[in-house]
């Protein structure tokens, strides 16, 4: 959420927010707080969708999420020093 960008739309004075690194993650609401909440929910759904479809997720603020299938006990984590692994069965 640190990378979120917000603006007030001139036509209706609502708040628009987006995360440019995550294509398609945006929200629009009457208040900044509601816009932030909706943007957070949209980001969560976007990440879950991409995991479900086995699509890549961009590295943001040094966090590199990788999707791995199988047994996490058999992976040498030294190859992933700055990576958070998401395990699916």
PDB file of N, CA and C in Angstrom:
ATOM      1  N   UNK A   1       0.822  -1.193   0.000  1.00  0.00           N
ATOM      2  CA  UNK A   1       0.000   0.000   0.000  1.00  0.00           C
ATOM      3  C   UNK A   1       0.868   1.260   0.000  1.00  0.00           C
ATOM      4  N   UNK A   2       2.157   1.110   0.287  1.00  0.00           N
ATOM      5  CA  UNK A   2       3.046   2.272   0.250  1.00  0.00           C
ATOM      6  C   UNK A   2       3.135   2.872  -1.145  1.00  0.00           C
ATOM      7  N   UNK A   3       2.930   2.050  -2.150  1.00  0.00           N
ATOM      8  CA  UNK A   3       3.058   2.520  -3.533  1.00  0.00           C
ATOM      9  C   UNK A   3       1.753   3.052  -4.102  1.00  0.00           C
ATOM     10  N   UNK A   4       0.718   3.099  -3.295  1.00  0.00           N
ATOM     11  CA  UNK A   4      -0.582   3.592  -3.763  1.00  0.00           C
ATOM     12  C   UNK A   4      -0.499   5.086  -4.080  1.00  0.00           C
ATOM     13  N   UNK A   5      -1.173   5.467  -5.126  1.00  0.00           N
ATOM     14  CA  UNK A   5      -1.271   6.870  -5.547  1.00  0.00           C
ATOM     15  C   UNK A   5      -2.741   7.258  -5.500  1.00  0.00           C
ATOM     16  N   UNK A   6      -3.021   8.445  -4.961  1.00  0.00           N
ATOM     17  CA  UNK A   6      -4.401   8.906  -4.813  1.00  0.00           C
ATOM     18  C   UNK A   6      -4.564  10.281  -5.460  1.00  0.00           C
ATOM     19  N   UNK A   7      -5.775  10.533  -5.923  1.00  0.00           N
ATOM     20  CA  UNK A   7      -6.105  11.858  -6.442  1.00  0.00           C
ATOM     21  C   UNK A   7      -7.595  12.111  -6.233  1.00  0.00           C
ATOM     22  N   UNK A   8      -7.951  13.371  -6.207  1.00  0.00           N
ATOM     23  CA  UNK A   8      -9.353  13.759  -6.118  1.00  0.00           C
ATOM     24  C   UNK A   8      -9.825  14.048  -7.534  1.00  0.00           C
ATOM     25  N   UNK A   9     -10.900  13.387  -7.939  1.00  0.00           N
ATOM     26  CA  UNK A   9     -11.436  13.582  -9.281  1.00  0.00           C
ATOM     27  C   UNK A   9     -12.238  14.876  -9.330  1.00  0.00           C
ATOM     28  N   UNK A  10     -11.962  15.681 -10.328  1.00  0.00           N
ATOM     29  CA  UNK A  10     -12.577  17.001 -10.403  1.00  0.00           C
ATOM     30  C   UNK A  10     -14.069  16.961 -10.721  1.00  0.00           C
ATOM     31  N   UNK A  11     -14.515  15.944 -11.430  1.00  0.00           N
ATOM     32  CA  UNK A  11     -15.924  15.926 -11.836  1.00  0.00           C
ATOM     33  C   UNK A  11     -16.890  15.679 -10.681  1.00  0.00           C
ATOM     34  N   UNK A  12     -16.522  14.800  -9.731  1.00  0.00           N
ATOM     35  CA  UNK A  12     -17.446  14.512  -8.622  1.00  0.00           C
ATOM     36  C   UNK A  12     -16.800  14.617  -7.234  1.00  0.00           C
ATOM     37  N   UNK A  13     -15.540  15.060  -7.197  1.00  0.00           N
ATOM     38  CA  UNK A  13     -14.795  15.231  -5.944  1.00  0.00           C
ATOM     39  C   UNK A  13     -14.595  13.917  -5.178  1.00  0.00           C
ATOM     40  N   UNK A  14     -14.707  12.779  -5.861  1.00  0.00           N
ATOM     41  CA  UNK A  14     -14.443  11.493  -5.211  1.00  0.00           C
ATOM     42  C   UNK A  14     -12.938  11.219  -5.250  1.00  0.00           C
ATOM     43  N   UNK A  15     -12.524  10.228  -4.504  1.00  0.00           N
ATOM     44  CA  UNK A  15     -11.113   9.856  -4.432  1.00  0.00           C
ATOM     45  C   UNK A  15     -10.861   8.648  -5.316  1.00  0.00           C
ATOM     46  N   UNK A  16      -9.796   8.721  -6.079  1.00  0.00           N
ATOM     47  CA  UNK A  16      -9.355   7.626  -6.938  1.00  0.00           C
ATOM     48  C   UNK A  16      -7.989   7.185  -6.443  1.00  0.00           C
ATOM     49  N   UNK A  17      -7.816   5.880  -6.290  1.00  0.00           N
ATOM     50  CA  UNK A  17      -6.523   5.350  -5.873  1.00  0.00           C
ATOM     51  C   UNK A  17      -6.127   4.182  -6.744  1.00  0.00           C
ATOM     52  N   UNK A  18      -4.822   4.031  -6.945  1.00  0.00           N
ATOM     53  CA  UNK A  18      -4.319   2.908  -7.729  1.00  0.00           C
ATOM     54  C   UNK A  18      -2.933   2.518  -7.244  1.00  0.00           C
ATOM     55  N   UNK A  19      -2.539   1.308  -7.595  1.00  0.00           N
ATOM     56  CA  UNK A  19      -1.181   0.833  -7.350  1.00  0.00           C
ATOM     57  C   UNK A  19      -0.598   0.560  -8.722  1.00  0.00           C
ATOM     58  N   UNK A  20       0.196   1.484  -9.253  1.00  0.00           N
ATOM     59  CA  UNK A  20       0.669   1.386 -10.634  1.00  0.00           C
ATOM     60  C   UNK A  20       1.402   0.081 -10.963  1.00  0.00           C
ATOM     61  N   UNK A  21       2.140  -0.482 -10.023  1.00  0.00           N
ATOM     62  CA  UNK A  21       2.891  -1.706 -10.293  1.00  0.00           C
ATOM     63  C   UNK A  21       1.985  -2.923 -10.450  1.00  0.00           C
ATOM     64  N   UNK A  22       0.748  -2.796  -9.991  1.00  0.00           N
ATOM     65  CA  UNK A  22      -0.203  -3.914 -10.042  1.00  0.00           C
ATOM     66  C   UNK A  22      -1.330  -3.546 -11.001  1.00  0.00           C
ATOM     67  N   UNK A  23      -1.133  -3.855 -12.245  1.00  0.00           N
ATOM     68  CA  UNK A  23      -2.073  -3.468 -13.299  1.00  0.00           C
ATOM     69  C   UNK A  23      -3.501  -3.913 -12.967  1.00  0.00           C
ATOM     70  N   UNK A  24      -4.416  -2.955 -12.987  1.00  0.00           N
ATOM     71  CA  UNK A  24      -5.818  -3.257 -12.725  1.00  0.00           C
ATOM     72  C   UNK A  24      -6.234  -3.086 -11.278  1.00  0.00           C
ATOM     73  N   UNK A  25      -5.291  -2.714 -10.408  1.00  0.00           N
ATOM     74  CA  UNK A  25      -5.626  -2.510  -8.991  1.00  0.00           C
ATOM     75  C   UNK A  25      -5.916  -1.031  -8.783  1.00  0.00           C
ATOM     76  N   UNK A  26      -7.215  -0.715  -8.669  1.00  0.00           N
ATOM     77  CA  UNK A  26      -7.639   0.669  -8.458  1.00  0.00           C
ATOM     78  C   UNK A  26      -8.957   0.682  -7.706  1.00  0.00           C
ATOM     79  N   UNK A  27      -9.290   1.830  -7.147  1.00  0.00           N
ATOM     80  CA  UNK A  27     -10.538   1.998  -6.400  1.00  0.00           C
ATOM     81  C   UNK A  27     -10.996   3.439  -6.522  1.00  0.00           C
ATOM     82  N   UNK A  28     -12.280   3.646  -6.278  1.00  0.00           N
ATOM     83  CA  UNK A  28     -12.877   4.968  -6.324  1.00  0.00           C
ATOM     84  C   UNK A  28     -13.947   5.031  -5.244  1.00  0.00           C
ATOM     85  N   UNK A  29     -13.911   6.079  -4.409  1.00  0.00           N
ATOM     86  CA  UNK A  29     -14.884   6.198  -3.325  1.00  0.00           C
ATOM     87  C   UNK A  29     -15.054   7.666  -2.942  1.00  0.00           C
ATOM     88  N   UNK A  30     -16.079   7.946  -2.171  1.00  0.00           N
ATOM     89  CA  UNK A  30     -16.393   9.325  -1.774  1.00  0.00           C
ATOM     90  C   UNK A  30     -15.416   9.886  -0.742  1.00  0.00           C
ATOM     91  N   UNK A  31     -14.782   9.012   0.049  1.00  0.00           N
ATOM     92  CA  UNK A  31     -13.817   9.489   1.046  1.00  0.00           C
ATOM     93  C   UNK A  31     -12.472   8.789   0.841  1.00  0.00           C
ATOM     94  N   UNK A  32     -11.409   9.431   1.303  1.00  0.00           N
ATOM     95  CA  UNK A  32     -10.075   8.851   1.178  1.00  0.00           C
ATOM     96  C   UNK A  32      -9.988   7.546   1.958  1.00  0.00           C
ATOM     97  N   UNK A  33     -10.558   7.525   3.156  1.00  0.00           N
ATOM     98  CA  UNK A  33     -10.514   6.307   3.981  1.00  0.00           C
ATOM     99  C   UNK A  33     -11.201   5.139   3.274  1.00  0.00           C
ATOM    100  N   UNK A  34     -12.363   5.383   2.694  1.00  0.00           N
ATOM    101  CA  UNK A  34     -13.095   4.322   1.991  1.00  0.00           C
ATOM    102  C   UNK A  34     -12.321   3.895   0.744  1.00  0.00           C
ATOM    103  N   UNK A  35     -11.710   4.839   0.069  1.00  0.00           N
ATOM    104  CA  UNK A  35     -10.905   4.525  -1.107  1.00  0.00           C
ATOM    105  C   UNK A  35      -9.726   3.631  -0.723  1.00  0.00           C
ATOM    106  N   UNK A  36      -9.058   3.956   0.364  1.00  0.00           N
ATOM    107  CA  UNK A  36      -7.935   3.132   0.846  1.00  0.00           C
ATOM    108  C   UNK A  36      -8.391   1.722   1.165  1.00  0.00           C
ATOM    109  N   UNK A  37      -9.524   1.597   1.851  1.00  0.00           N
ATOM    110  CA  UNK A  37     -10.057   0.289   2.227  1.00  0.00           C
ATOM    111  C   UNK A  37     -10.400  -0.527   0.978  1.00  0.00           C
ATOM    112  N   UNK A  38     -11.067   0.104   0.032  1.00  0.00           N
ATOM    113  CA  UNK A  38     -11.429  -0.593  -1.208  1.00  0.00           C
ATOM    114  C   UNK A  38     -10.188  -0.988  -2.009  1.00  0.00           C
ATOM    115  N   UNK A  39      -9.183  -0.120  -2.020  1.00  0.00           N
ATOM    116  CA  UNK A  39      -7.943  -0.428  -2.732  1.00  0.00           C
ATOM    117  C   UNK A  39      -7.236  -1.618  -2.089  1.00  0.00           C
ATOM    118  N   UNK A  40      -7.221  -1.658  -0.779  1.00  0.00           N
ATOM    119  CA  UNK A  40      -6.612  -2.778  -0.057  1.00  0.00           C
ATOM    120  C   UNK A  40      -7.330  -4.085  -0.382  1.00  0.00           C
ATOM    121  N   UNK A  41      -8.655  -4.059  -0.392  1.00  0.00           N
ATOM    122  CA  UNK A  41      -9.445  -5.251  -0.729  1.00  0.00           C
ATOM    123  C   UNK A  41      -9.199  -5.679  -2.173  1.00  0.00           C
ATOM    124  N   UNK A  42      -9.113  -4.711  -3.071  1.00  0.00           N
ATOM    125  CA  UNK A  42      -8.851  -5.009  -4.479  1.00  0.00           C
ATOM    126  C   UNK A  42      -7.481  -5.644  -4.644  1.00  0.00           C
ATOM    127  N   UNK A  43      -6.480  -5.121  -3.939  1.00  0.00           N
ATOM    128  CA  UNK A  43      -5.130  -5.687  -4.003  1.00  0.00           C
ATOM    129  C   UNK A  43      -5.128  -7.126  -3.502  1.00  0.00           C
ATOM    130  N   UNK A  44      -5.802  -7.383  -2.402  1.00  0.00           N
ATOM    131  CA  UNK A  44      -5.870  -8.746  -1.852  1.00  0.00           C
ATOM    132  C   UNK A  44      -6.507  -9.704  -2.862  1.00  0.00           C
ATOM    133  N   UNK A  45      -7.617  -9.300  -3.453  1.00  0.00           N
ATOM    134  CA  UNK A  45      -8.288 -10.143  -4.445  1.00  0.00           C
ATOM    135  C   UNK A  45      -7.408 -10.344  -5.680  1.00  0.00           C
ATOM    136  N   UNK A  46      -6.699  -9.299  -6.087  1.00  0.00           N
ATOM    137  CA  UNK A  46      -5.807  -9.369  -7.243  1.00  0.00           C
ATOM    138  C   UNK A  46      -4.692 -10.385  -6.997  1.00  0.00           C
ATOM    139  N   UNK A  47      -4.097 -10.341  -5.806  1.00  0.00           N
ATOM    140  CA  UNK A  47      -3.027 -11.284  -5.463  1.00  0.00           C
ATOM    141  C   UNK A  47      -3.565 -12.709  -5.442  1.00  0.00           C
ATOM    142  N   UNK A  48      -4.713 -12.930  -4.807  1.00  0.00           N
ATOM    143  CA  UNK A  48      -5.297 -14.273  -4.748  1.00  0.00           C
ATOM    144  C   UNK A  48      -5.643 -14.798  -6.144  1.00  0.00           C
ATOM    145  N   UNK A  49      -6.163 -13.936  -6.993  1.00  0.00           N
ATOM    146  CA  UNK A  49      -6.481 -14.336  -8.362  1.00  0.00           C
ATOM    147  C   UNK A  49      -5.214 -14.765  -9.095  1.00  0.00           C
ATOM    148  N   UNK A  50      -4.161 -13.978  -8.968  1.00  0.00           N
ATOM    149  CA  UNK A  50      -2.916 -14.289  -9.666  1.00  0.00           C
ATOM    150  C   UNK A  50      -2.292 -15.576  -9.140  1.00  0.00           C
ATOM    151  N   UNK A  51      -2.424 -15.829  -7.839  1.00  0.00           N
ATOM    152  CA  UNK A  51      -1.938 -17.101  -7.286  1.00  0.00           C
ATOM    153  C   UNK A  51      -2.747 -18.246  -7.871  1.00  0.00           C
ATOM    154  N   UNK A  52      -4.065 -18.088  -7.881  1.00  0.00           N
ATOM    155  CA  UNK A  52      -4.953 -19.135  -8.407  1.00  0.00           C
ATOM    156  C   UNK A  52      -4.639 -19.456  -9.867  1.00  0.00           C
ATOM    157  N   UNK A  53      -4.338 -18.441 -10.655  1.00  0.00           N
ATOM    158  CA  UNK A  53      -4.056 -18.623 -12.082  1.00  0.00           C
ATOM    159  C   UNK A  53      -2.571 -18.870 -12.362  1.00  0.00           C
ATOM    160  N   UNK A  54      -1.768 -18.957 -11.300  1.00  0.00           N
ATOM    161  CA  UNK A  54      -0.324 -19.173 -11.418  1.00  0.00           C
ATOM    162  C   UNK A  54       0.341 -18.092 -12.275  1.00  0.00           C
ATOM    163  N   UNK A  55      -0.073 -16.851 -12.064  1.00  0.00           N
ATOM    164  CA  UNK A  55       0.493 -15.700 -12.762  1.00  0.00           C
ATOM    165  C   UNK A  55       1.522 -15.010 -11.875  1.00  0.00           C
ATOM    166  N   UNK A  56       2.483 -14.371 -12.478  1.00  0.00           N
ATOM    167  CA  UNK A  56       3.523 -13.700 -11.692  1.00  0.00           C
ATOM    168  C   UNK A  56       2.955 -12.484 -10.954  1.00  0.00           C
ATOM    169  N   UNK A  57       3.620 -12.161  -9.882  1.00  0.00           N
ATOM    170  CA  UNK A  57       3.286 -10.990  -9.075  1.00  0.00           C
ATOM    171  C   UNK A  57       4.539 -10.114  -9.065  1.00  0.00           C
ATOM    172  N   UNK A  58       4.420  -8.823  -9.386  1.00  0.00           N
ATOM    173  CA  UNK A  58       5.622  -7.984  -9.471  1.00  0.00           C
ATOM    174  C   UNK A  58       6.306  -7.808  -8.109  1.00  0.00           C
ATOM    175  N   UNK A  59       7.619  -7.626  -8.155  1.00  0.00           N
ATOM    176  CA  UNK A  59       8.385  -7.327  -6.950  1.00  0.00           C
ATOM    177  C   UNK A  59       8.047  -5.900  -6.534  1.00  0.00           C
ATOM    178  N   UNK A  60       7.624  -5.734  -5.287  1.00  0.00           N
ATOM    179  CA  UNK A  60       7.272  -4.409  -4.777  1.00  0.00           C
ATOM    180  C   UNK A  60       7.986  -4.207  -3.444  1.00  0.00           C
ATOM    181  N   UNK A  61       8.695  -3.104  -3.317  1.00  0.00           N
ATOM    182  CA  UNK A  61       9.452  -2.780  -2.105  1.00  0.00           C
ATOM    183  C   UNK A  61      10.354  -3.936  -1.661  1.00  0.00           C
ATOM    184  N   UNK A  62      10.958  -4.617  -2.622  1.00  0.00           N
ATOM    185  CA  UNK A  62      11.878  -5.712  -2.322  1.00  0.00           C
ATOM    186  C   UNK A  62      11.209  -7.019  -1.953  1.00  0.00           C
ATOM    187  N   UNK A  63       9.883  -7.074  -1.995  1.00  0.00           N
ATOM    188  CA  UNK A  63       9.164  -8.309  -1.676  1.00  0.00           C
ATOM    189  C   UNK A  63       8.862  -9.020  -2.980  1.00  0.00           C
ATOM    190  N   UNK A  64       9.389 -10.233  -3.099  1.00  0.00           N
ATOM    191  CA  UNK A  64       9.232 -11.031  -4.305  1.00  0.00           C
ATOM    192  C   UNK A  64       8.467 -12.297  -3.934  1.00  0.00           C
ATOM    193  N   UNK A  65       7.184 -12.330  -4.254  1.00  0.00           N
ATOM    194  CA  UNK A  65       6.354 -13.493  -3.942  1.00  0.00           C
ATOM    195  C   UNK A  65       6.475 -14.516  -5.058  1.00  0.00           C
ATOM    196  N   UNK A  66       6.834 -15.726  -4.706  1.00  0.00           N
ATOM    197  CA  UNK A  66       6.941 -16.819  -5.674  1.00  0.00           C
ATOM    198  C   UNK A  66       5.924 -17.888  -5.285  1.00  0.00           C
ATOM    199  N   UNK A  67       5.326 -18.492  -6.277  1.00  0.00           N
ATOM    200  CA  UNK A  67       4.355 -19.551  -6.044  1.00  0.00           C
ATOM    201  C   UNK A  67       5.049 -20.874  -6.330  1.00  0.00           C
ATOM    202  N   UNK A  68       5.070 -21.737  -5.332  1.00  0.00           N
ATOM    203  CA  UNK A  68       5.708 -23.039  -5.470  1.00  0.00           C
ATOM    204  C   UNK A  68       4.699 -24.123  -5.124  1.00  0.00           C
ATOM    205  N   UNK A  69       4.687 -25.187  -5.912  1.00  0.00           N
ATOM    206  CA  UNK A  69       3.824 -26.317  -5.615  1.00  0.00           C
ATOM    207  C   UNK A  69       4.677 -27.429  -5.047  1.00  0.00           C
ATOM    208  N   UNK A  70       4.100 -28.195  -4.153  1.00  0.00           N
ATOM    209  CA  UNK A  70       4.826 -29.321  -3.603  1.00  0.00           C
ATOM    210  C   UNK A  70       5.116 -29.146  -2.124  1.00  0.00           C
ATOM    211  N   UNK A  71       6.157 -29.812  -1.677  1.00  0.00           N
ATOM    212  CA  UNK A  71       6.512 -29.866  -0.271  1.00  0.00           C
ATOM    213  C   UNK A  71       7.526 -28.769   0.052  1.00  0.00           C
ATOM    214  N   UNK A  72       7.172 -27.815   0.909  1.00  0.00           N
ATOM    215  CA  UNK A  72       8.116 -26.729   1.227  1.00  0.00           C
ATOM    216  C   UNK A  72       9.353 -27.205   1.971  1.00  0.00           C
ATOM    217  N   UNK A  73       9.313 -28.404   2.571  1.00  0.00           N
ATOM    218  CA  UNK A  73      10.473 -28.923   3.291  1.00  0.00           C
ATOM    219  C   UNK A  73      11.596 -29.339   2.345  1.00  0.00           C
ATOM    220  N   UNK A  74      11.309 -29.468   1.070  1.00  0.00           N
ATOM    221  CA  UNK A  74      12.302 -29.933   0.105  1.00  0.00           C
ATOM    222  C   UNK A  74      12.934 -28.802  -0.688  1.00  0.00           C
ATOM    223  N   UNK A  75      12.689 -27.565  -0.305  1.00  0.00           N
ATOM    224  CA  UNK A  75      13.233 -26.418  -1.038  1.00  0.00           C
ATOM    225  C   UNK A  75      14.382 -25.810  -0.244  1.00  0.00           C
ATOM    226  N   UNK A  76      15.478 -25.517  -0.923  1.00  0.00           N
ATOM    227  CA  UNK A  76      16.609 -24.847  -0.303  1.00  0.00           C
ATOM    228  C   UNK A  76      16.329 -23.349  -0.327  1.00  0.00           C
ATOM    229  N   UNK A  77      15.955 -22.792   0.812  1.00  0.00           N
ATOM    230  CA  UNK A  77      15.575 -21.390   0.884  1.00  0.00           C
ATOM    231  C   UNK A  77      16.750 -20.440   0.695  1.00  0.00           C
ATOM    232  N   UNK A  78      17.969 -20.940   0.695  1.00  0.00           N
ATOM    233  CA  UNK A  78      19.111 -20.053   0.466  1.00  0.00           C
ATOM    234  C   UNK A  78      19.087 -19.477  -0.945  1.00  0.00           C
ATOM    235  N   UNK A  79      18.342 -20.088  -1.842  1.00  0.00           N
ATOM    236  CA  UNK A  79      18.219 -19.555  -3.194  1.00  0.00           C
ATOM    237  C   UNK A  79      17.225 -18.402  -3.261  1.00  0.00           C
ATOM    238  N   UNK A  80      16.465 -18.184  -2.178  1.00  0.00           N
ATOM    239  CA  UNK A  80      15.424 -17.166  -2.150  1.00  0.00           C
ATOM    240  C   UNK A  80      15.636 -16.216  -0.974  1.00  0.00           C
ATOM    241  N   UNK A  81      16.762 -15.496  -0.909  1.00  0.00           N
ATOM    242  CA  UNK A  81      17.045 -14.680   0.281  1.00  0.00           C
ATOM    243  C   UNK A  81      16.071 -13.536   0.522  1.00  0.00           C
ATOM    244  N   UNK A  82      15.482 -12.990  -0.521  1.00  0.00           N
ATOM    245  CA  UNK A  82      14.544 -11.874  -0.326  1.00  0.00           C
ATOM    246  C   UNK A  82      13.157 -12.246  -0.823  1.00  0.00           C
ATOM    247  N   UNK A  83      12.863 -13.519  -0.825  1.00  0.00           N
ATOM    248  CA  UNK A  83      11.614 -13.982  -1.408  1.00  0.00           C
ATOM    249  C   UNK A  83      10.714 -14.573  -0.332  1.00  0.00           C
ATOM    250  N   UNK A  84       9.431 -14.238  -0.417  1.00  0.00           N
ATOM    251  CA  UNK A  84       8.437 -14.895   0.420  1.00  0.00           C
ATOM    252  C   UNK A  84       7.784 -15.943  -0.462  1.00  0.00           C
ATOM    253  N   UNK A  85       7.698 -17.159   0.033  1.00  0.00           N
ATOM    254  CA  UNK A  85       7.144 -18.242  -0.759  1.00  0.00           C
ATOM    255  C   UNK A  85       5.700 -18.502  -0.349  1.00  0.00           C
ATOM    256  N   UNK A  86       4.842 -18.665  -1.325  1.00  0.00           N
ATOM    257  CA  UNK A  86       3.456 -19.014  -1.090  1.00  0.00           C
ATOM    258  C   UNK A  86       3.273 -20.442  -1.564  1.00  0.00           C
ATOM    259  N   UNK A  87       2.859 -21.327  -0.672  1.00  0.00           N
ATOM    260  CA  UNK A  87       2.738 -22.740  -1.006  1.00  0.00           C
ATOM    261  C   UNK A  87       1.303 -23.091  -1.342  1.00  0.00           C
ATOM    262  N   UNK A  88       1.140 -23.827  -2.420  1.00  0.00           N
ATOM    263  CA  UNK A  88      -0.172 -24.332  -2.789  1.00  0.00           C
ATOM    264  C   UNK A  88      -0.063 -25.832  -2.978  1.00  0.00           C
ATOM    265  N   UNK A  89      -1.148 -26.516  -2.809  1.00  0.00           N
ATOM    266  CA  UNK A  89      -1.154 -27.971  -3.016  1.00  0.00           C
ATOM    267  C   UNK A  89      -1.815 -28.320  -4.321  1.00  0.00           C
TER     268      UNK A  89
END
